[in-house]
Structure formats: structure tokens, C-alpha cells
Amino acid sequence: MSTKQQIALETRHRLLAAASRVVLNQGVGHLTLDLVASEAGVSKGGLLYHFPTKEALISGLLEDLLRSFDESIATALASGIDGSDGDAGRFVSAYVLASTDDDPQELALSAGLLAAIATNSDLLAPWQKQYQIWQKRITQDGIDPVLATIVRLAVDGLWANELFGIAPPNPDLRQQVVKRLLKLSKGDLR
């Protein structure tokens, strides 16, 4: 990678980090290109080079969240998750672990960005595509595909409950639910 490309990549990351801070600290309603440029210490022209519109910036944030979640799955897979039958259920287990990571900033950022999606459903397209990929891997993970899908839907529901504050379970119950989902992700119905 050339120095120019490296600088452009670093600037893009700095802009996304600044946009994340704006969403976390002030809410997505206050996300403006001017504020993000100022927060990142970049000229508005520099921001517009990477993100020509507010929609493009939100799309970049959403893509960054997807990338981060995918990296969390990869990290969980690399940590040596054991399935009940060799590798059976490894991906489903990694999905559960990545989905139940307790990063409050990522949860808050997700909430803000999902609110932004409400104004433009086209921004969901990359998420829909990525979830199709994950769902395919889940159903081909060596355990009953129906059970694997139930686990995914349950952990997605847990995430959504926490995201929107809709009666999330207390910490002890949550821990038990995650533990049970991990057992189920290995095909263990006990």
C-alpha cells in the first residue's frame, strides 16, 4: 500500500471514529458533516472526499459495524470453540459469543444507526446480504439447521431487547441464557 493510500485509509478511520463519537455523545439526529469534520480535525472537503453525503457516512458506519461484528465472530472461532461433534456448531457458537459481547458503546452506536436506517431502508441492503451469508453458514454448521436457526433468532432477539431496552433479562439470567444458547449451538438439547 502506498503512503497516499495509507493516509487516505487512516483519514477514513478517523472520520468514522469521529462520526461514532458524535452519534454516541449527541445522537444520530445531531450527526452533520460539519460536526464530524470538526470532530475528526479534517476539512469538510477532506470528509466529502471519503463520504460525499450524510447517507454515505451513515452507510460507512454501518459497514464498519458489520466488519467489527464479523471480526468478533472470527476472534471467537479462533479462540478454540469446541463443538459436540468435532467442529459441529463452531460457527453458531461463535455467532452467539459475538452477539452477546458486552460492549455498551457498540450497542449505543448500533441503536443510533438503526434509527438512521428508519429514514432510508436502502441502507439495510449490506446488512441483509451479510445476514444471508451468516445464515447460510449457520445452517451448514453440522448441527440441525432448524436448531441452529432457532439459536440465531434467539440471540438476535436478546441483542434487540438489549439494544432497545425492552425488558432485557437481569445479568444473572442473561448469563444463564447465553450459557444455554451455547449448549444449544453445539446441538446439546439437555
Protein backbone atom coordinates (compact mmCIF):
# COMPACT_ATOMS: atom_id res chain seq x y z
CA MET A 1 0.00 0.00 0.00
CA SER A 2 1.36 3.40 -0.94
CA THR A 3 1.81 6.19 1.60
CA LYS A 4 -1.04 8.12 -0.03
CA GLN A 5 -3.37 5.12 0.25
CA GLN A 6 -2.33 4.60 3.88
CA ILE A 7 -3.08 8.24 4.72
CA ALA A 8 -6.48 8.00 2.99
CA LEU A 9 -7.31 4.85 4.95
CA GLU A 10 -6.24 6.44 8.24
CA THR A 11 -8.33 9.53 7.46
CA ARG A 12 -11.34 7.36 6.67
CA HIS A 13 -10.94 5.53 10.00
CA ARG A 14 -10.55 8.86 11.83
CA LEU A 15 -13.74 10.16 10.21
CA LEU A 16 -15.70 7.02 11.13
CA ALA A 17 -14.41 7.20 14.71
CA ALA A 18 -15.43 10.87 14.90
CA ALA A 19 -18.89 10.09 13.49
CA SER A 20 -19.25 7.30 16.05
CA ARG A 21 -18.40 9.71 18.86
CA VAL A 22 -20.97 12.23 17.58
CA VAL A 23 -23.68 9.54 17.44
CA LEU A 24 -22.74 8.22 20.90
CA ASN A 25 -22.45 11.62 22.58
CA GLN A 26 -25.15 13.64 20.81
CA GLY A 27 -27.39 11.17 18.99
CA VAL A 28 -27.80 10.44 15.31
CA GLY A 29 -30.08 13.46 14.93
CA HIS A 30 -27.06 15.71 15.53
CA LEU A 31 -24.86 13.92 13.03
CA THR A 32 -23.78 16.51 10.48
CA LEU A 33 -20.90 16.51 8.05
CA ASP A 34 -19.58 19.77 9.52
CA LEU A 35 -19.60 18.38 13.06
CA VAL A 36 -17.88 15.15 12.02
CA ALA A 37 -15.20 17.02 10.07
CA SER A 38 -14.55 19.26 13.06
CA GLU A 39 -14.50 16.32 15.49
CA ALA A 40 -12.02 14.47 13.25
CA GLY A 41 -9.82 17.52 12.67
CA VAL A 42 -10.34 17.21 8.91
CA SER A 43 -11.56 19.82 6.47
CA LYS A 44 -15.08 19.41 5.18
CA GLY A 45 -13.58 18.84 1.73
CA GLY A 46 -11.47 16.03 3.17
CA LEU A 47 -14.60 14.47 4.65
CA LEU A 48 -16.51 14.88 1.38
CA TYR A 49 -13.70 13.07 -0.47
CA HIS A 50 -14.45 9.95 1.60
CA PHE A 51 -18.16 10.47 2.31
CA PRO A 52 -19.90 12.78 -0.18
CA THR A 53 -23.21 12.74 1.73
CA LYS A 54 -24.51 12.15 5.23
CA GLU A 55 -26.09 8.95 3.91
CA ALA A 56 -22.69 7.78 2.68
CA LEU A 57 -21.24 8.47 6.12
CA ILE A 58 -24.02 6.51 7.84
CA SER A 59 -23.52 3.72 5.33
CA GLY A 60 -19.80 3.73 6.17
CA LEU A 61 -20.61 3.48 9.88
CA LEU A 62 -22.98 0.58 9.25
CA GLU A 63 -20.38 -1.22 7.13
CA ASP A 64 -17.84 -0.65 9.89
CA LEU A 65 -20.22 -2.20 12.44
CA LEU A 66 -20.71 -5.23 10.19
CA ARG A 67 -16.96 -5.58 9.76
CA SER A 68 -16.46 -5.33 13.50
CA PHE A 69 -19.09 -7.98 14.19
CA ASP A 70 -17.57 -10.26 11.55
CA GLU A 71 -14.17 -9.80 13.22
CA SER A 72 -15.75 -10.69 16.58
CA ILE A 73 -17.05 -13.93 15.05
CA ALA A 74 -13.58 -14.67 13.64
CA THR A 75 -11.99 -13.99 17.04
CA ALA A 76 -14.46 -16.32 18.74
CA LEU A 77 -13.76 -19.00 16.13
CA ALA A 78 -10.02 -18.61 16.65
CA SER A 79 -10.42 -18.98 20.41
CA GLY A 80 -10.93 -22.72 20.03
CA ILE A 81 -14.67 -23.21 20.47
CA ASP A 82 -15.38 -26.93 20.61
CA GLY A 83 -18.49 -28.39 19.07
CA SER A 84 -20.08 -31.57 20.42
CA ASP A 85 -19.04 -33.48 17.31
CA GLY A 86 -15.66 -32.12 16.25
CA ASP A 87 -16.34 -28.82 14.56
CA ALA A 88 -20.14 -29.11 14.62
CA GLY A 89 -21.70 -25.93 15.90
CA ARG A 90 -18.49 -23.90 16.00
CA PHE A 91 -19.81 -21.09 13.84
CA VAL A 92 -23.13 -20.95 15.67
CA SER A 93 -21.25 -20.78 19.00
CA ALA A 94 -19.02 -18.01 17.65
CA TYR A 95 -22.12 -16.12 16.48
CA VAL A 96 -23.62 -16.40 19.98
CA LEU A 97 -20.41 -15.16 21.62
CA ALA A 98 -20.02 -12.25 19.19
CA SER A 99 -23.68 -11.27 19.61
CA THR A 100 -23.53 -11.27 23.40
CA ASP A 101 -20.34 -9.24 23.76
CA ASP A 102 -20.99 -6.62 26.44
CA ASP A 103 -19.67 -3.52 24.67
CA PRO A 104 -22.09 -0.74 25.70
CA GLN A 105 -20.61 1.74 23.22
CA GLU A 106 -21.16 -0.61 20.29
CA LEU A 107 -24.73 -1.22 21.47
CA ALA A 108 -25.39 2.53 21.75
CA LEU A 109 -23.85 3.14 18.32
CA SER A 110 -25.98 0.35 16.85
CA ALA A 111 -29.13 1.91 18.29
CA GLY A 112 -28.31 5.30 16.83
CA LEU A 113 -27.50 3.92 13.42
CA LEU A 114 -30.57 1.71 13.33
CA ALA A 115 -32.62 4.82 13.99
CA ALA A 116 -30.97 6.37 10.94
CA ILE A 117 -31.89 3.33 8.86
CA ALA A 118 -35.54 4.04 9.62
CA THR A 119 -35.28 7.05 7.33
CA ASN A 120 -33.74 5.09 4.44
CA SER A 121 -34.31 1.36 4.21
CA ASP A 122 -31.81 1.13 1.32
CA LEU A 123 -29.09 1.38 3.97
CA LEU A 124 -30.16 -2.08 5.16
CA ALA A 125 -29.02 -3.79 1.94
CA PRO A 126 -25.45 -4.59 3.13
CA TRP A 127 -26.84 -5.93 6.42
CA GLN A 128 -29.36 -8.11 4.60
CA LYS A 129 -26.62 -9.50 2.35
CA GLN A 130 -24.27 -10.23 5.27
CA TYR A 131 -27.01 -11.86 7.34
CA GLN A 132 -27.77 -14.17 4.38
CA ILE A 133 -24.11 -15.23 4.42
CA TRP A 134 -24.14 -15.81 8.18
CA GLN A 135 -27.46 -17.68 8.00
CA LYS A 136 -26.07 -19.99 5.31
CA ARG A 137 -23.04 -20.75 7.48
CA ILE A 138 -25.30 -21.31 10.47
CA THR A 139 -27.48 -23.86 8.65
CA GLN A 140 -24.40 -25.67 7.34
CA ASP A 141 -22.58 -25.84 10.68
CA GLY A 142 -23.02 -29.55 11.35
CA ILE A 143 -26.00 -29.39 13.70
CA ASP A 144 -29.70 -29.48 12.91
CA PRO A 145 -30.28 -26.40 10.72
CA VAL A 146 -33.61 -25.68 12.43
CA LEU A 147 -31.97 -25.72 15.87
CA ALA A 148 -29.08 -23.60 14.57
CA THR A 149 -31.56 -21.05 13.19
CA ILE A 150 -33.53 -21.01 16.45
CA VAL A 151 -30.30 -20.22 18.30
CA ARG A 152 -29.51 -17.37 15.88
CA LEU A 153 -33.00 -15.93 16.16
CA ALA A 154 -32.91 -16.19 19.97
CA VAL A 155 -29.55 -14.43 20.24
CA ASP A 156 -30.69 -11.79 17.73
CA GLY A 157 -33.76 -11.28 19.94
CA LEU A 158 -31.58 -10.93 23.04
CA TRP A 159 -29.45 -8.35 21.20
CA ALA A 160 -32.56 -6.43 20.08
CA ASN A 161 -34.02 -6.47 23.61
CA GLU A 162 -30.81 -5.01 24.99
CA LEU A 163 -30.49 -2.58 22.10
CA PHE A 164 -33.95 -1.11 22.63
CA GLY A 165 -34.19 -1.70 26.40
CA ILE A 166 -37.26 -3.93 26.01
CA ALA A 167 -37.19 -5.85 29.31
CA PRO A 168 -33.71 -7.29 28.91
CA PRO A 169 -33.01 -10.09 31.40
CA ASN A 170 -31.11 -9.30 34.59
CA PRO A 171 -27.36 -10.09 34.41
CA ASP A 172 -27.63 -13.50 36.12
CA LEU A 173 -30.48 -14.66 33.91
CA ARG A 174 -28.72 -13.27 30.84
CA GLN A 175 -25.61 -15.28 31.69
CA GLN A 176 -27.72 -18.43 32.04
CA VAL A 177 -29.48 -17.73 28.73
CA VAL A 178 -26.15 -17.27 26.93
CA LYS A 179 -24.79 -20.45 28.51
CA ARG A 180 -27.88 -22.38 27.34
CA LEU A 181 -27.65 -20.89 23.84
CA LEU A 182 -24.03 -22.04 23.67
CA LYS A 183 -25.10 -25.58 24.64
CA LEU A 184 -27.82 -25.49 22.01
CA SER A 185 -25.36 -24.16 19.44
CA LYS A 186 -23.45 -27.43 19.85
CA GLY A 187 -26.59 -29.48 19.34
CA ASP A 188 -26.89 -30.27 23.05
CA LEU A 189 -30.59 -30.25 23.93
CA ARG A 190 -30.07 -31.10 27.61
